[in-house]
Amino acid sequence: MGNINKYDVFMKQLEIIELDVVYADESGGISEDRRQTIINVIERIEGNLIQQQNAAEETNMRVGDTFENINQSVIATRGSIAKGIIKVREIKGDETAKAIQTLEEAIAGLKTTEISEEGKQESLQLLDEITKQAASTNKGKVVLKQLGNGLWETIKNVQSLATVVSYAWPIIQGLWS
């Protein structure tokens, strides 16, 4: 067995948790205890990654305006989005949650030939903020629209996202329209 990247393991764990939530919702709902357990697991993964990222940032050398180790940040952002999707599903319904999840998975799967690591990270962070705003009880449509415009600018020219964007973007735009 070759080298197993611990960040790949974290990503697979997040994907399993996301699927667990999707299937539980499709089968008639998810209990509050199960929902809280899922959120706790995601928060633990995020906490471990943030601790590791802070230690890595202290030792990494800066390359331009970015740190060499972006993977941890991408994973933490994806975890935050997964947690937000649970709340969005409760507030906005399955269609909006699925659109956000589909776009998140598509962005995370982009290769560096399609978008830079920094562009991927920026896109995921913007989607994370959109998800947080959509799950918030005091969301502002102006803020959502600005975040949406920022995300659109980072992904609009990525050809491999065309199909996903044509499905998900009109639904996500409904958050601020």
Protein backbone atom coordinates (compact mmCIF):
# COMPACT_ATOMS: atom_id res chain seq x y z
CA MET A 1 0.00 0.00 0.00
CA GLY A 2 1.43 3.37 -0.99
CA ASN A 3 1.55 6.55 1.02
CA ILE A 4 -1.83 7.61 2.32
CA ASN A 5 -2.21 11.33 2.57
CA LYS A 6 -3.99 12.19 5.84
CA TYR A 7 -5.77 15.05 4.12
CA ASP A 8 -7.25 12.65 1.60
CA VAL A 9 -8.53 10.61 4.55
CA PHE A 10 -10.14 13.73 6.05
CA MET A 11 -11.76 14.52 2.70
CA LYS A 12 -13.16 11.00 2.40
CA GLN A 13 -14.55 11.28 5.94
CA LEU A 14 -16.29 14.54 5.04
CA GLU A 15 -17.74 12.99 1.88
CA ILE A 16 -19.10 10.04 3.88
CA ILE A 17 -20.67 12.41 6.41
CA GLU A 18 -22.26 14.45 3.61
CA LEU A 19 -23.71 11.30 2.04
CA ASP A 20 -25.00 10.17 5.43
CA VAL A 21 -26.89 13.45 5.80
CA VAL A 22 -28.26 13.34 2.25
CA TYR A 23 -29.55 9.76 2.59
CA ALA A 24 -30.95 10.39 6.06
CA ASP A 25 -32.88 13.41 4.74
CA GLU A 26 -34.18 11.40 1.77
CA SER A 27 -35.37 8.61 4.07
CA GLY A 28 -37.54 10.84 6.20
CA GLY A 29 -35.28 13.14 8.13
CA ILE A 30 -32.39 13.16 10.48
CA SER A 31 -32.73 13.22 14.24
CA GLU A 32 -31.43 16.21 16.17
CA ASP A 33 -28.97 13.95 18.03
CA ARG A 34 -27.58 12.59 14.73
CA ARG A 35 -27.37 16.09 13.27
CA GLN A 36 -25.45 17.32 16.33
CA THR A 37 -23.11 14.31 16.19
CA ILE A 38 -22.32 15.05 12.54
CA ILE A 39 -21.66 18.72 13.32
CA ASN A 40 -19.40 17.72 16.23
CA VAL A 41 -17.36 15.37 14.00
CA ILE A 42 -16.95 18.09 11.37
CA GLU A 43 -15.91 20.62 14.02
CA ARG A 44 -13.30 18.19 15.39
CA ILE A 45 -11.87 17.64 11.93
CA GLU A 46 -11.81 21.40 11.34
CA GLY A 47 -10.16 21.99 14.74
CA ASN A 48 -7.44 19.43 14.07
CA LEU A 49 -6.79 20.95 10.66
CA ILE A 50 -6.62 24.48 12.01
CA GLN A 51 -4.12 23.40 14.68
CA GLN A 52 -2.02 21.61 12.08
CA GLN A 53 -2.32 24.54 9.68
CA ASN A 54 -1.17 27.04 12.31
CA ALA A 55 1.86 24.89 13.10
CA ALA A 56 2.62 24.48 9.40
CA GLU A 57 2.29 28.21 8.71
CA GLU A 58 4.87 28.94 11.39
CA THR A 59 7.40 26.75 9.61
CA ASN A 60 6.46 27.23 5.96
CA MET A 61 8.19 29.83 3.88
CA ARG A 62 6.03 32.29 2.02
CA VAL A 63 5.87 31.92 -1.74
CA GLY A 64 4.51 35.15 -3.18
CA ASP A 65 1.29 35.84 -1.30
CA THR A 66 0.42 32.24 -0.50
CA PHE A 67 1.60 29.49 1.80
CA GLU A 68 2.79 26.31 0.20
CA ASN A 69 0.37 24.11 2.17
CA ILE A 70 -3.13 25.06 1.01
CA ASN A 71 -4.67 21.56 1.27
CA GLN A 72 -5.47 21.90 4.98
CA SER A 73 -7.30 25.15 4.39
CA VAL A 74 -9.32 23.65 1.53
CA ILE A 75 -10.34 20.71 3.74
CA ALA A 76 -11.32 22.97 6.63
CA THR A 77 -13.38 25.13 4.28
CA ARG A 78 -15.12 22.05 2.84
CA GLY A 79 -15.92 20.92 6.38
CA SER A 80 -17.46 24.28 7.15
CA ILE A 81 -19.53 24.12 3.95
CA ALA A 82 -20.73 20.61 4.87
CA LYS A 83 -21.86 21.89 8.26
CA GLY A 84 -23.61 24.85 6.61
CA ILE A 85 -25.38 22.58 4.11
CA ILE A 86 -27.10 20.82 7.01
CA LYS A 87 -28.54 24.14 8.18
CA VAL A 88 -29.39 25.31 4.65
CA ARG A 89 -31.32 22.08 4.08
CA GLU A 90 -33.40 22.82 7.20
CA ILE A 91 -34.06 26.47 6.26
CA LYS A 92 -34.11 26.54 2.43
CA GLY A 93 -34.85 22.93 1.55
CA ASP A 94 -33.22 20.06 -0.27
CA GLU A 95 -32.93 21.73 -3.68
CA THR A 96 -30.81 24.64 -2.43
CA ALA A 97 -28.67 22.39 -0.22
CA LYS A 98 -28.06 19.96 -3.10
CA ALA A 99 -27.11 22.83 -5.45
CA ILE A 100 -24.54 24.14 -2.96
CA GLN A 101 -23.20 20.64 -2.31
CA THR A 102 -22.94 19.86 -6.03
CA LEU A 103 -21.07 23.10 -6.73
CA GLU A 104 -18.79 22.56 -3.72
CA GLU A 105 -17.85 19.06 -4.86
CA ALA A 106 -17.23 20.25 -8.42
CA ILE A 107 -14.98 23.12 -7.29
CA ALA A 108 -13.06 20.88 -4.88
CA GLY A 109 -12.47 18.38 -7.68
CA LEU A 110 -10.94 20.91 -10.08
CA LYS A 111 -7.42 20.23 -11.26
CA THR A 112 -4.69 22.86 -11.11
CA THR A 113 -4.75 22.98 -14.91
CA GLU A 114 -8.30 24.36 -14.67
CA ILE A 115 -7.92 26.73 -11.71
CA SER A 116 -5.02 27.63 -9.42
CA GLU A 117 -4.98 26.29 -5.86
CA GLU A 118 -5.47 29.87 -4.69
CA GLY A 119 -8.46 30.26 -7.03
CA LYS A 120 -9.94 27.00 -5.75
CA GLN A 121 -9.45 28.12 -2.15
CA GLU A 122 -11.00 31.52 -2.85
CA SER A 123 -13.99 29.91 -4.58
CA LEU A 124 -14.56 27.51 -1.69
CA GLN A 125 -14.25 30.31 0.87
CA LEU A 126 -16.81 32.40 -1.01
CA LEU A 127 -19.16 29.41 -1.25
CA ASP A 128 -18.63 28.82 2.47
CA GLU A 129 -19.64 32.41 3.23
CA ILE A 130 -22.68 32.11 0.95
CA THR A 131 -23.66 28.93 2.80
CA LYS A 132 -23.23 30.61 6.20
CA GLN A 133 -25.31 33.60 5.10
CA ALA A 134 -28.02 31.37 3.63
CA ALA A 135 -28.19 29.40 6.91
CA SER A 136 -28.32 32.56 9.01
CA THR A 137 -31.55 33.99 10.31
CA ASN A 138 -30.35 37.56 9.70
CA LYS A 139 -29.03 37.22 6.19
CA GLY A 140 -28.78 40.23 3.97
CA LYS A 141 -29.52 39.87 0.29
CA VAL A 142 -26.96 42.56 -0.54
CA VAL A 143 -24.21 40.61 1.22
CA LEU A 144 -25.29 37.38 -0.46
CA LYS A 145 -25.32 39.07 -3.86
CA GLN A 146 -21.81 40.50 -3.35
CA LEU A 147 -20.51 37.09 -2.28
CA GLY A 148 -22.28 35.49 -5.24
CA ASN A 149 -20.77 37.99 -7.66
CA GLY A 150 -17.31 37.28 -6.24
CA LEU A 151 -17.80 33.54 -6.60
CA TRP A 152 -19.15 33.94 -10.13
CA GLU A 153 -16.05 35.92 -11.13
CA THR A 154 -13.75 33.13 -9.92
CA ILE A 155 -15.61 30.24 -11.59
CA LYS A 156 -17.34 31.63 -14.69
CA ASN A 157 -14.52 30.77 -17.09
CA VAL A 158 -13.83 27.25 -15.82
CA GLN A 159 -15.08 25.08 -18.67
CA SER A 160 -15.37 21.85 -16.68
CA LEU A 161 -17.86 23.54 -14.33
CA ALA A 162 -20.28 24.51 -17.12
CA THR A 163 -22.74 21.67 -16.57
CA VAL A 164 -22.72 21.99 -12.78
CA VAL A 165 -23.05 25.76 -12.94
CA SER A 166 -25.97 25.57 -15.37
CA TYR A 167 -27.81 23.41 -12.82
CA ALA A 168 -26.69 24.92 -9.50
CA TRP A 169 -26.19 28.61 -10.19
CA PRO A 170 -29.84 29.59 -10.85
CA ILE A 171 -30.84 27.89 -7.57
CA ILE A 172 -28.03 29.55 -5.60
CA GLN A 173 -28.87 32.93 -7.17
CA GLY A 174 -32.37 32.49 -5.76
CA LEU A 175 -30.86 33.17 -2.33
CA TRP A 176 -30.46 36.86 -3.19
CA SER A 177 -32.94 37.39 -6.02
